[in-house]
Protein backbone atom coordinates (compact mmCIF):
# COMPACT_ATOMS: atom_id res chain seq x y z
CA GLN A 1 0.00 0.00 0.00
CA GLN A 2 1.20 3.46 -0.88
CA PRO A 3 0.55 6.51 1.27
CA PRO A 4 -1.68 9.15 -0.33
CA PRO A 5 0.13 11.85 -2.31
CA MET A 6 0.85 14.67 0.09
CA LYS A 7 2.06 18.25 -0.12
CA SER A 8 2.77 21.09 2.26
CA CYS A 9 0.07 23.68 2.82
CA LEU A 10 1.33 27.04 1.62
CA SER A 11 -0.29 28.74 4.58
CA CYS A 12 0.33 26.56 7.64
CA HIS A 13 2.97 24.21 6.18
CA GLN A 14 1.28 21.05 7.43
CA GLN A 15 1.19 17.95 5.27
CA ILE A 16 -2.15 17.79 3.47
CA HIS A 17 -3.53 15.67 0.65
CA ARG A 18 -2.23 16.83 -2.71
CA ASN A 19 -5.71 17.06 -4.23
CA ALA A 20 -7.38 18.79 -1.31
CA PRO A 21 -9.05 22.00 -2.52
CA ILE A 22 -8.50 23.61 0.87
CA CYS A 23 -6.29 22.78 3.81
CA PRO A 24 -8.37 20.87 6.39
CA LEU A 25 -6.31 22.42 9.19
CA CYS A 26 -6.19 26.13 8.40
CA LYS A 27 -8.88 26.27 5.67
CA ALA A 28 -6.58 28.08 3.27
CA LYS A 29 -7.14 27.42 -0.41
CA SER A 30 -4.35 25.13 -1.44
CA ARG A 31 -4.65 24.74 -5.19
CA SER A 32 -4.61 28.34 -6.41
CA ARG A 33 -1.21 29.00 -7.90
CA ASN A 34 -1.79 32.69 -8.55
CA PRO A 35 -4.61 34.02 -6.38
CA LYS A 36 -6.30 37.34 -7.16
CA LYS A 37 -5.75 36.90 -10.89
CA PRO A 38 -9.13 36.26 -12.49
CA LYS A 39 -8.96 34.76 -15.96
CA LYS A 40 -9.86 37.23 -18.67
CA LYS A 41 -10.73 36.26 -22.21
CA ASP A 42 -10.96 39.02 -24.77
């Protein structure tokens, strides 16, 4: 058995699941690479 893929939360630095949309510990959004940049299509 393999452990689930993990990553560090960018906010609290705890190990969380790689695919978690938010950190279960600090509730920070974990997937957004560049926050506050809405996609614009002209």
